[in-house]
Amino acid sequence: MTVALIPFTAAGPLSRQWFGVASSATLDDGPEAVRLLGNDLVLWRSPSGTVVVAPDKCTHSKRQLSKGTVDEGRLACPKHGWTFGDEGRCIFKPSGLPITDNAHLKTYPCTERYGLIWMALGDPEASVIDLPWDDDPRYRRIHSEVSAWAASPVHVIETILAKTDSEPVDVSAELPFSVHTRYRSDDGSEHRRLVTCAPVNSRASRVATVVWTTAPDADDAKVVEEVTSDLEEVRSVAESMAAPSPAVETAATPDENALSQDWKHRLSDLASSGT
């Protein structure tokens, strides 16, 4: 049996991976607080329209910037009104004092794909997972959302993969915590689903779900309900595994499928690469 410890911290190999941490649609309403690998972050859409991810702490007052306000892309601290814009740069001090380099926020790599905001805490080792059907004219994306689960991302993916033997679908798993699935309806149309987890820590996840369909006249809400109906059970099972999951055991169990074994081995290799 091989057991690989996964450090759910910004110092481990997960810091070099992309994670879908928020929905693009919900960010337009103001700043959003996100916790990733134990780090408190703030996200907002800057004056240029790009998303900025920075520590959720003002460089002056140390107050949470996520409790501030955004006006035309400028994020204002709730304490003294220090204001930040593109690339996290401080652009205004109510005192009128000069703006020095230490006033600017540290920022993290960030991009948008599939209706999600993806970020990494370090220099990413690779690009965001490539899902070619997002550019396929036969498909249209109809759903992207992110929710908080009280479950380790390892347990979430394990639970999804454990169900694949009983479903007549195509399933594949990507590192570190993503599963995409293809479904076929009786009318011949196809639907695809992405479930990807951003680890808050070893006990909690931000779980993003994206759905595509080839059905041109389908009731989108019904399609989403059809291809995500199992996730309520997945969540219940994953959250019932109360113990954190800091390790991956790659020895196969009698009822474990080949896809789950392969994902665990690759995750174990990834975890070991940071030690």
C-alpha atoms as a PDB file:
ATOM      1  CA  MET A   1       0.000   0.000   0.000  1.00  0.00           C
ATOM      2  CA  THR A   2       1.241   3.485  -0.881  1.00  0.00           C
ATOM      3  CA  VAL A   3       0.095   6.382   1.270  1.00  0.00           C
ATOM      4  CA  ALA A   4       0.832   9.949   0.178  1.00  0.00           C
ATOM      5  CA  LEU A   5       0.226  12.844   2.536  1.00  0.00           C
ATOM      6  CA  ILE A   6      -1.450  15.817   0.872  1.00  0.00           C
ATOM      7  CA  PRO A   7      -0.434  19.131   2.465  1.00  0.00           C
ATOM      8  CA  PHE A   8      -3.565  21.280   2.319  1.00  0.00           C
ATOM      9  CA  THR A   9      -1.509  24.453   2.685  1.00  0.00           C
ATOM     10  CA  ALA A  10      -0.109  27.136   0.411  1.00  0.00           C
ATOM     11  CA  ALA A  11       3.341  25.610   0.954  1.00  0.00           C
ATOM     12  CA  GLY A  12       2.462  22.306  -0.722  1.00  0.00           C
ATOM     13  CA  PRO A  13       2.075  21.194  -4.355  1.00  0.00           C
ATOM     14  CA  LEU A  14      -1.596  22.195  -4.426  1.00  0.00           C
ATOM     15  CA  SER A  15      -0.513  25.842  -4.419  1.00  0.00           C
ATOM     16  CA  ARG A  16       0.664  25.373  -8.028  1.00  0.00           C
ATOM     17  CA  GLN A  17      -2.725  24.136  -9.242  1.00  0.00           C
ATOM     18  CA  TRP A  18      -5.669  26.073 -10.663  1.00  0.00           C
ATOM     19  CA  PHE A  19      -8.912  25.965  -8.661  1.00  0.00           C
ATOM     20  CA  GLY A  20     -12.382  27.213  -9.552  1.00  0.00           C
ATOM     21  CA  VAL A  21     -13.195  29.330  -6.512  1.00  0.00           C
ATOM     22  CA  ALA A  22     -16.171  31.479  -7.543  1.00  0.00           C
ATOM     23  CA  SER A  23     -18.826  32.058 -10.187  1.00  0.00           C
ATOM     24  CA  SER A  24     -18.181  34.860 -12.670  1.00  0.00           C
ATOM     25  CA  ALA A  25     -21.845  35.874 -12.556  1.00  0.00           C
ATOM     26  CA  THR A  26     -21.999  36.480  -8.808  1.00  0.00           C
ATOM     27  CA  LEU A  27     -18.854  38.607  -8.642  1.00  0.00           C
ATOM     28  CA  ASP A  28     -20.438  41.565 -10.434  1.00  0.00           C
ATOM     29  CA  ASP A  29     -22.374  42.449  -7.275  1.00  0.00           C
ATOM     30  CA  GLY A  30     -19.318  43.386  -5.223  1.00  0.00           C
ATOM     31  CA  PRO A  31     -16.310  41.862  -3.442  1.00  0.00           C
ATOM     32  CA  GLU A  32     -16.403  38.190  -2.488  1.00  0.00           C
ATOM     33  CA  ALA A  33     -14.558  36.482   0.349  1.00  0.00           C
ATOM     34  CA  VAL A  34     -12.937  33.138  -0.491  1.00  0.00           C
ATOM     35  CA  ARG A  35     -10.792  30.820   1.599  1.00  0.00           C
ATOM     36  CA  LEU A  36      -8.353  28.569  -0.285  1.00  0.00           C
ATOM     37  CA  LEU A  37      -5.812  26.249   1.330  1.00  0.00           C
ATOM     38  CA  GLY A  38      -6.201  28.123   4.601  1.00  0.00           C
ATOM     39  CA  ASN A  39      -5.706  31.549   3.029  1.00  0.00           C
ATOM     40  CA  ASP A  40      -8.351  34.288   3.302  1.00  0.00           C
ATOM     41  CA  LEU A  41      -8.763  36.080  -0.026  1.00  0.00           C
ATOM     42  CA  VAL A  42     -10.880  38.802  -1.597  1.00  0.00           C
ATOM     43  CA  LEU A  43     -12.050  38.776  -5.231  1.00  0.00           C
ATOM     44  CA  TRP A  44     -13.484  41.699  -7.174  1.00  0.00           C
ATOM     45  CA  ARG A  45     -13.843  42.905 -10.761  1.00  0.00           C
ATOM     46  CA  SER A  46     -11.483  45.814 -11.367  1.00  0.00           C
ATOM     47  CA  PRO A  47     -12.013  48.936 -13.547  1.00  0.00           C
ATOM     48  CA  SER A  48     -10.601  47.117 -16.603  1.00  0.00           C
ATOM     49  CA  GLY A  49     -13.106  44.279 -16.135  1.00  0.00           C
ATOM     50  CA  THR A  50     -10.523  41.712 -15.029  1.00  0.00           C
ATOM     51  CA  VAL A  51     -10.839  39.840 -11.754  1.00  0.00           C
ATOM     52  CA  VAL A  52      -8.351  40.606  -8.992  1.00  0.00           C
ATOM     53  CA  VAL A  53      -7.539  38.094  -6.234  1.00  0.00           C
ATOM     54  CA  ALA A  54      -5.651  39.415  -3.225  1.00  0.00           C
ATOM     55  CA  PRO A  55      -5.268  38.758   0.511  1.00  0.00           C
ATOM     56  CA  ASP A  56      -8.433  39.771   2.339  1.00  0.00           C
ATOM     57  CA  LYS A  57      -6.595  42.367   4.377  1.00  0.00           C
ATOM     58  CA  CYS A  58      -6.068  46.063   3.757  1.00  0.00           C
ATOM     59  CA  THR A  59      -2.399  47.023   3.598  1.00  0.00           C
ATOM     60  CA  HIS A  60      -3.171  49.925   5.943  1.00  0.00           C
ATOM     61  CA  SER A  61      -5.891  49.064   8.456  1.00  0.00           C
ATOM     62  CA  LYS A  62      -5.609  45.250   8.164  1.00  0.00           C
ATOM     63  CA  ARG A  63      -9.420  45.130   8.000  1.00  0.00           C
ATOM     64  CA  GLN A  64     -11.198  42.619   5.743  1.00  0.00           C
ATOM     65  CA  LEU A  65     -11.486  44.140   2.278  1.00  0.00           C
ATOM     66  CA  SER A  66     -14.330  41.742   1.454  1.00  0.00           C
ATOM     67  CA  LYS A  67     -16.460  43.810   3.866  1.00  0.00           C
ATOM     68  CA  GLY A  68     -15.772  46.920   1.807  1.00  0.00           C
ATOM     69  CA  THR A  69     -17.498  48.267  -1.285  1.00  0.00           C
ATOM     70  CA  VAL A  70     -16.782  48.270  -5.011  1.00  0.00           C
ATOM     71  CA  ASP A  71     -17.574  51.346  -7.084  1.00  0.00           C
ATOM     72  CA  GLU A  72     -16.788  51.159 -10.816  1.00  0.00           C
ATOM     73  CA  GLY A  73     -14.211  48.471 -10.136  1.00  0.00           C
ATOM     74  CA  ARG A  74     -12.502  50.291  -7.269  1.00  0.00           C
ATOM     75  CA  LEU A  75     -12.448  48.372  -3.977  1.00  0.00           C
ATOM     76  CA  ALA A  76     -12.603  50.589  -0.878  1.00  0.00           C
ATOM     77  CA  CYS A  77     -11.545  49.421   2.575  1.00  0.00           C
ATOM     78  CA  PRO A  78     -14.402  49.651   5.113  1.00  0.00           C
ATOM     79  CA  LYS A  79     -12.160  51.265   7.772  1.00  0.00           C
ATOM     80  CA  HIS A  80     -10.389  54.301   6.276  1.00  0.00           C
ATOM     81  CA  GLY A  81     -11.361  54.112   2.612  1.00  0.00           C
ATOM     82  CA  TRP A  82      -8.043  53.177   1.086  1.00  0.00           C
ATOM     83  CA  THR A  83      -8.995  52.201  -2.447  1.00  0.00           C
ATOM     84  CA  PHE A  84      -7.559  49.575  -4.801  1.00  0.00           C
ATOM     85  CA  GLY A  85      -7.970  49.097  -8.558  1.00  0.00           C
ATOM     86  CA  ASP A  86      -6.390  47.105 -11.389  1.00  0.00           C
ATOM     87  CA  GLU A  87      -3.694  44.634 -10.334  1.00  0.00           C
ATOM     88  CA  GLY A  88      -4.476  45.413  -6.684  1.00  0.00           C
ATOM     89  CA  ARG A  89      -2.749  48.775  -6.845  1.00  0.00           C
ATOM     90  CA  CYS A  90      -3.680  51.392  -4.273  1.00  0.00           C
ATOM     91  CA  ILE A  91      -5.128  54.349  -6.187  1.00  0.00           C
ATOM     92  CA  PHE A  92      -6.519  56.546  -3.424  1.00  0.00           C
ATOM     93  CA  LYS A  93      -5.817  57.529   0.171  1.00  0.00           C
ATOM     94  CA  PRO A  94      -8.330  59.842   1.872  1.00  0.00           C
ATOM     95  CA  SER A  95      -5.427  61.439   3.726  1.00  0.00           C
ATOM     96  CA  GLY A  96      -3.915  62.620   0.467  1.00  0.00           C
ATOM     97  CA  LEU A  97      -0.515  61.231   1.476  1.00  0.00           C
ATOM     98  CA  PRO A  98       1.760  59.812  -1.256  1.00  0.00           C
ATOM     99  CA  ILE A  99       1.043  56.240  -2.350  1.00  0.00           C
ATOM    100  CA  THR A 100       4.124  54.096  -1.794  1.00  0.00           C
ATOM    101  CA  ASP A 101       4.824  50.578  -3.097  1.00  0.00           C
ATOM    102  CA  ASN A 102       3.911  48.928   0.198  1.00  0.00           C
ATOM    103  CA  ALA A 103       0.369  50.289  -0.140  1.00  0.00           C
ATOM    104  CA  HIS A 104      -0.376  47.961  -3.067  1.00  0.00           C
ATOM    105  CA  LEU A 105      -1.925  44.533  -2.579  1.00  0.00           C
ATOM    106  CA  LYS A 106      -0.201  41.289  -3.415  1.00  0.00           C
ATOM    107  CA  THR A 107      -2.182  39.523  -6.134  1.00  0.00           C
ATOM    108  CA  TYR A 108      -2.478  35.937  -7.342  1.00  0.00           C
ATOM    109  CA  PRO A 109      -2.798  34.335 -10.799  1.00  0.00           C
ATOM    110  CA  CYS A 110      -6.417  34.438 -11.921  1.00  0.00           C
ATOM    111  CA  THR A 111      -8.425  33.714 -15.068  1.00  0.00           C
ATOM    112  CA  GLU A 112     -12.023  33.026 -16.119  1.00  0.00           C
ATOM    113  CA  ARG A 113     -13.244  29.916 -17.943  1.00  0.00           C
ATOM    114  CA  TYR A 114     -16.515  27.988 -18.095  1.00  0.00           C
ATOM    115  CA  GLY A 115     -18.320  30.697 -16.125  1.00  0.00           C
ATOM    116  CA  LEU A 116     -15.921  30.199 -13.198  1.00  0.00           C
ATOM    117  CA  ILE A 117     -13.097  32.224 -11.710  1.00  0.00           C
ATOM    118  CA  TRP A 118      -9.944  30.135 -11.445  1.00  0.00           C
ATOM    119  CA  MET A 119      -6.940  31.033  -9.318  1.00  0.00           C
ATOM    120  CA  ALA A 120      -3.703  29.625  -7.956  1.00  0.00           C
ATOM    121  CA  LEU A 121      -1.696  30.633  -4.913  1.00  0.00           C
ATOM    122  CA  GLY A 122       1.609  30.049  -6.693  1.00  0.00           C
ATOM    123  CA  ASP A 123       2.939  29.887 -10.240  1.00  0.00           C
ATOM    124  CA  PRO A 124       0.638  27.356 -11.966  1.00  0.00           C
ATOM    125  CA  GLU A 125       2.297  24.207 -13.270  1.00  0.00           C
ATOM    126  CA  ALA A 126      -0.142  23.916 -16.182  1.00  0.00           C
ATOM    127  CA  SER A 127      -3.134  25.643 -17.739  1.00  0.00           C
ATOM    128  CA  VAL A 128      -6.710  25.376 -16.502  1.00  0.00           C
ATOM    129  CA  ILE A 129      -8.215  22.000 -17.465  1.00  0.00           C
ATOM    130  CA  ASP A 130      -9.147  21.981 -21.141  1.00  0.00           C
ATOM    131  CA  LEU A 131     -12.758  21.056 -21.905  1.00  0.00           C
ATOM    132  CA  PRO A 132     -12.981  21.260 -25.729  1.00  0.00           C
ATOM    133  CA  TRP A 133     -16.768  21.017 -25.831  1.00  0.00           C
ATOM    134  CA  ASP A 134     -16.975  24.524 -24.338  1.00  0.00           C
ATOM    135  CA  ASP A 135     -15.904  25.801 -27.776  1.00  0.00           C
ATOM    136  CA  ASP A 136     -17.902  23.191 -29.716  1.00  0.00           C
ATOM    137  CA  PRO A 137     -20.870  24.907 -31.439  1.00  0.00           C
ATOM    138  CA  ARG A 138     -23.018  21.830 -30.801  1.00  0.00           C
ATOM    139  CA  TYR A 139     -22.874  22.527 -27.075  1.00  0.00           C
ATOM    140  CA  ARG A 140     -24.053  25.475 -25.057  1.00  0.00           C
ATOM    141  CA  ARG A 141     -23.164  26.154 -21.465  1.00  0.00           C
ATOM    142  CA  ILE A 142     -26.277  26.584 -19.327  1.00  0.00           C
ATOM    143  CA  HIS A 143     -25.147  26.449 -15.708  1.00  0.00           C
ATOM    144  CA  SER A 144     -22.190  27.460 -13.511  1.00  0.00           C
ATOM    145  CA  GLU A 145     -22.326  27.692  -9.733  1.00  0.00           C
ATOM    146  CA  VAL A 146     -20.127  27.322  -6.653  1.00  0.00           C
ATOM    147  CA  SER A 147     -21.238  26.145  -3.205  1.00  0.00           C
ATOM    148  CA  ALA A 148     -19.567  25.401   0.127  1.00  0.00           C
ATOM    149  CA  TRP A 149     -19.405  21.770   1.269  1.00  0.00           C
ATOM    150  CA  ALA A 150     -18.224  20.532   4.661  1.00  0.00           C
ATOM    151  CA  ALA A 151     -16.208  17.754   3.038  1.00  0.00           C
ATOM    152  CA  SER A 152     -12.645  17.117   1.984  1.00  0.00           C
ATOM    153  CA  PRO A 153     -12.161  17.440  -1.789  1.00  0.00           C
ATOM    154  CA  VAL A 154     -10.661  13.941  -1.736  1.00  0.00           C
ATOM    155  CA  HIS A 155     -13.890  12.568  -0.257  1.00  0.00           C
ATOM    156  CA  VAL A 156     -16.005  14.466  -2.796  1.00  0.00           C
ATOM    157  CA  ILE A 157     -14.164  13.043  -5.805  1.00  0.00           C
ATOM    158  CA  GLU A 158     -13.947   9.562  -4.271  1.00  0.00           C
ATOM    159  CA  THR A 159     -17.715   9.554  -3.751  1.00  0.00           C
ATOM    160  CA  ILE A 160     -18.445  10.653  -7.327  1.00  0.00           C
ATOM    161  CA  LEU A 161     -16.097   8.068  -8.820  1.00  0.00           C
ATOM    162  CA  ALA A 162     -17.548   5.318  -6.624  1.00  0.00           C
ATOM    163  CA  LYS A 163     -20.887   5.811  -8.394  1.00  0.00           C
ATOM    164  CA  THR A 164     -19.587   5.501 -11.958  1.00  0.00           C
ATOM    165  CA  ASP A 165     -19.941   1.726 -12.196  1.00  0.00           C
ATOM    166  CA  SER A 166     -23.713   1.979 -11.949  1.00  0.00           C
ATOM    167  CA  GLU A 167     -24.180   4.799 -14.488  1.00  0.00           C
ATOM    168  CA  PRO A 168     -24.129   4.330 -18.308  1.00  0.00           C
ATOM    169  CA  VAL A 169     -21.980   7.412 -18.863  1.00  0.00           C
ATOM    170  CA  ASP A 170     -18.463   8.419 -19.841  1.00  0.00           C
ATOM    171  CA  VAL A 171     -16.451   9.704 -16.888  1.00  0.00           C
ATOM    172  CA  SER A 172     -12.914  11.049 -16.570  1.00  0.00           C
ATOM    173  CA  ALA A 173     -11.005  12.535 -13.655  1.00  0.00           C
ATOM    174  CA  GLU A 174      -8.388  15.298 -13.789  1.00  0.00           C
ATOM    175  CA  LEU A 175      -5.864  16.399 -11.206  1.00  0.00           C
ATOM    176  CA  PRO A 176      -6.233  17.462  -8.619  1.00  0.00           C
ATOM    177  CA  PHE A 177      -9.979  17.460  -7.891  1.00  0.00           C
ATOM    178  CA  SER A 178     -12.105  17.471 -11.046  1.00  0.00           C
ATOM    179  CA  VAL A 179     -14.504  14.993 -12.655  1.00  0.00           C
ATOM    180  CA  HIS A 180     -16.248  15.472 -15.992  1.00  0.00           C
ATOM    181  CA  THR A 181     -19.129  13.289 -17.112  1.00  0.00           C
ATOM    182  CA  ARG A 182     -21.024  12.780 -20.386  1.00  0.00           C
ATOM    183  CA  TYR A 183     -24.691  11.809 -20.360  1.00  0.00           C
ATOM    184  CA  ARG A 184     -26.931  10.827 -23.269  1.00  0.00           C
ATOM    185  CA  SER A 185     -30.693  11.435 -23.259  1.00  0.00           C
ATOM    186  CA  ASP A 186     -33.285   9.205 -24.878  1.00  0.00           C
ATOM    187  CA  ASP A 187     -33.745  11.787 -27.660  1.00  0.00           C
ATOM    188  CA  GLY A 188     -30.063  11.496 -28.630  1.00  0.00           C
ATOM    189  CA  SER A 189     -28.935  14.803 -27.137  1.00  0.00           C
ATOM    190  CA  GLU A 190     -25.862  14.917 -24.939  1.00  0.00           C
ATOM    191  CA  HIS A 191     -25.182  16.699 -21.685  1.00  0.00           C
ATOM    192  CA  ARG A 192     -21.833  17.219 -19.972  1.00  0.00           C
ATOM    193  CA  ARG A 193     -21.066  18.066 -16.374  1.00  0.00           C
ATOM    194  CA  LEU A 194     -17.948  19.303 -14.637  1.00  0.00           C
ATOM    195  CA  VAL A 195     -17.562  19.015 -10.875  1.00  0.00           C
ATOM    196  CA  THR A 196     -14.383  20.575  -9.521  1.00  0.00           C
ATOM    197  CA  CYS A 197     -13.321  21.204  -5.913  1.00  0.00           C
ATOM    198  CA  ALA A 198     -11.255  24.021  -4.449  1.00  0.00           C
ATOM    199  CA  PRO A 199      -9.883  22.929  -1.047  1.00  0.00           C
ATOM    200  CA  VAL A 200     -10.702  25.373   1.730  1.00  0.00           C
ATOM    201  CA  ASN A 201      -8.668  23.032   3.934  1.00  0.00           C
ATOM    202  CA  SER A 202      -8.579  19.265   4.534  1.00  0.00           C
ATOM    203  CA  ARG A 203     -12.171  19.295   5.844  1.00  0.00           C
ATOM    204  CA  ALA A 204     -14.023  21.692   3.509  1.00  0.00           C
ATOM    205  CA  SER A 205     -14.347  22.505  -0.187  1.00  0.00           C
ATOM    206  CA  ARG A 206     -15.806  25.026  -2.595  1.00  0.00           C
ATOM    207  CA  VAL A 207     -17.523  22.757  -5.106  1.00  0.00           C
ATOM    208  CA  ALA A 208     -18.155  24.162  -8.593  1.00  0.00           C
ATOM    209  CA  THR A 209     -20.594  22.599 -11.048  1.00  0.00           C
ATOM    210  CA  VAL A 210     -20.864  23.448 -14.758  1.00  0.00           C
ATOM    211  CA  VAL A 211     -23.365  21.934 -17.216  1.00  0.00           C
ATOM    212  CA  TRP A 212     -23.439  21.924 -21.053  1.00  0.00           C
ATOM    213  CA  THR A 213     -26.058  20.504 -23.424  1.00  0.00           C
ATOM    214  CA  THR A 214     -26.520  19.854 -27.145  1.00  0.00           C
ATOM    215  CA  ALA A 215     -30.322  20.024 -26.861  1.00  0.00           C
ATOM    216  CA  PRO A 216     -31.255  23.314 -28.596  1.00  0.00           C
ATOM    217  CA  ASP A 217     -34.795  23.596 -27.267  1.00  0.00           C
ATOM    218  CA  ALA A 218     -34.421  21.889 -23.902  1.00  0.00           C
ATOM    219  CA  ASP A 219     -35.756  23.285 -20.667  1.00  0.00           C
ATOM    220  CA  ASP A 220     -32.420  24.299 -19.182  1.00  0.00           C
ATOM    221  CA  ALA A 221     -33.612  23.924 -15.589  1.00  0.00           C
ATOM    222  CA  LYS A 222     -34.727  20.360 -16.288  1.00  0.00           C
ATOM    223  CA  VAL A 223     -31.402  19.486 -17.910  1.00  0.00           C
ATOM    224  CA  VAL A 224     -29.496  20.838 -14.916  1.00  0.00           C
ATOM    225  CA  GLU A 225     -31.767  18.940 -12.536  1.00  0.00           C
ATOM    226  CA  GLU A 226     -31.295  15.734 -14.542  1.00  0.00           C
ATOM    227  CA  VAL A 227     -27.506  15.782 -14.617  1.00  0.00           C
ATOM    228  CA  THR A 228     -26.952  17.102 -11.084  1.00  0.00           C
ATOM    229  CA  SER A 229     -29.622  15.100  -9.238  1.00  0.00           C
ATOM    230  CA  ASP A 230     -27.024  12.751  -7.753  1.00  0.00           C
ATOM    231  CA  LEU A 231     -24.971  15.543  -6.186  1.00  0.00           C
ATOM    232  CA  GLU A 232     -27.258  15.878  -3.170  1.00  0.00           C
ATOM    233  CA  GLU A 233     -26.470  12.266  -2.286  1.00  0.00           C
ATOM    234  CA  VAL A 234     -22.772  12.780  -3.094  1.00  0.00           C
ATOM    235  CA  ARG A 235     -22.700  15.742  -0.726  1.00  0.00           C
ATOM    236  CA  SER A 236     -24.444  13.823   2.044  1.00  0.00           C
ATOM    237  CA  VAL A 237     -22.049  10.888   1.764  1.00  0.00           C
ATOM    238  CA  ALA A 238     -18.914  13.060   1.510  1.00  0.00           C
ATOM    239  CA  GLU A 239     -19.929  15.253   4.436  1.00  0.00           C
ATOM    240  CA  SER A 240     -20.665  12.186   6.568  1.00  0.00           C
ATOM    241  CA  MET A 241     -16.989  11.243   6.348  1.00  0.00           C
ATOM    242  CA  ALA A 242     -16.227  13.402   9.367  1.00  0.00           C
ATOM    243  CA  ALA A 243     -12.488  12.711   9.514  1.00  0.00           C
ATOM    244  CA  PRO A 244     -10.252  14.911   7.386  1.00  0.00           C
ATOM    245  CA  SER A 245      -8.488  13.266   4.461  1.00  0.00           C
ATOM    246  CA  PRO A 246      -4.838  14.356   4.538  1.00  0.00           C
ATOM    247  CA  ALA A 247      -3.645  11.171   2.833  1.00  0.00           C
ATOM    248  CA  VAL A 248      -4.344   9.126  -0.292  1.00  0.00           C
ATOM    249  CA  GLU A 249      -4.128   5.339  -0.033  1.00  0.00           C
ATOM    250  CA  THR A 250      -3.475   3.838  -3.456  1.00  0.00           C
ATOM    251  CA  ALA A 251      -4.092   0.190  -2.575  1.00  0.00           C
ATOM    252  CA  ALA A 252      -7.237  -0.897  -4.433  1.00  0.00           C
ATOM    253  CA  THR A 253     -10.283  -2.008  -2.513  1.00  0.00           C
ATOM    254  CA  PRO A 254     -12.382  -4.922  -3.869  1.00  0.00           C
ATOM    255  CA  ASP A 255     -15.202  -2.657  -5.063  1.00  0.00           C
ATOM    256  CA  GLU A 256     -13.044   0.168  -6.410  1.00  0.00           C
ATOM    257  CA  ASN A 257     -13.116   0.856 -10.148  1.00  0.00           C
ATOM    258  CA  ALA A 258     -10.083   1.392 -12.382  1.00  0.00           C
ATOM    259  CA  LEU A 259     -10.795   5.102 -12.867  1.00  0.00           C
ATOM    260  CA  SER A 260     -10.752   5.727  -9.129  1.00  0.00           C
ATOM    261  CA  GLN A 261      -7.522   3.739  -8.755  1.00  0.00           C
ATOM    262  CA  ASP A 262      -5.871   5.721 -11.573  1.00  0.00           C
ATOM    263  CA  TRP A 263      -6.926   9.069 -10.098  1.00  0.00           C
ATOM    264  CA  LYS A 264      -5.624   8.102  -6.665  1.00  0.00           C
ATOM    265  CA  HIS A 265      -2.257   7.055  -8.083  1.00  0.00           C
ATOM    266  CA  ARG A 266      -1.900  10.312 -10.015  1.00  0.00           C
ATOM    267  CA  LEU A 267      -2.967  12.346  -6.967  1.00  0.00           C
ATOM    268  CA  SER A 268      -0.445  10.448  -4.862  1.00  0.00           C
ATOM    269  CA  ASP A 269       2.298  11.297  -7.380  1.00  0.00           C
ATOM    270  CA  LEU A 270       1.255  14.958  -7.317  1.00  0.00           C
ATOM    271  CA  ALA A 271       1.326  15.036  -3.512  1.00  0.00           C
ATOM    272  CA  SER A 272       4.750  13.403  -3.460  1.00  0.00           C
ATOM    273  CA  SER A 273       6.125  15.941  -5.915  1.00  0.00           C
ATOM    274  CA  GLY A 274       5.950  18.624  -3.267  1.00  0.00           C
ATOM    275  CA  THR A 275       7.916  16.787  -0.630  1.00  0.00           C
END
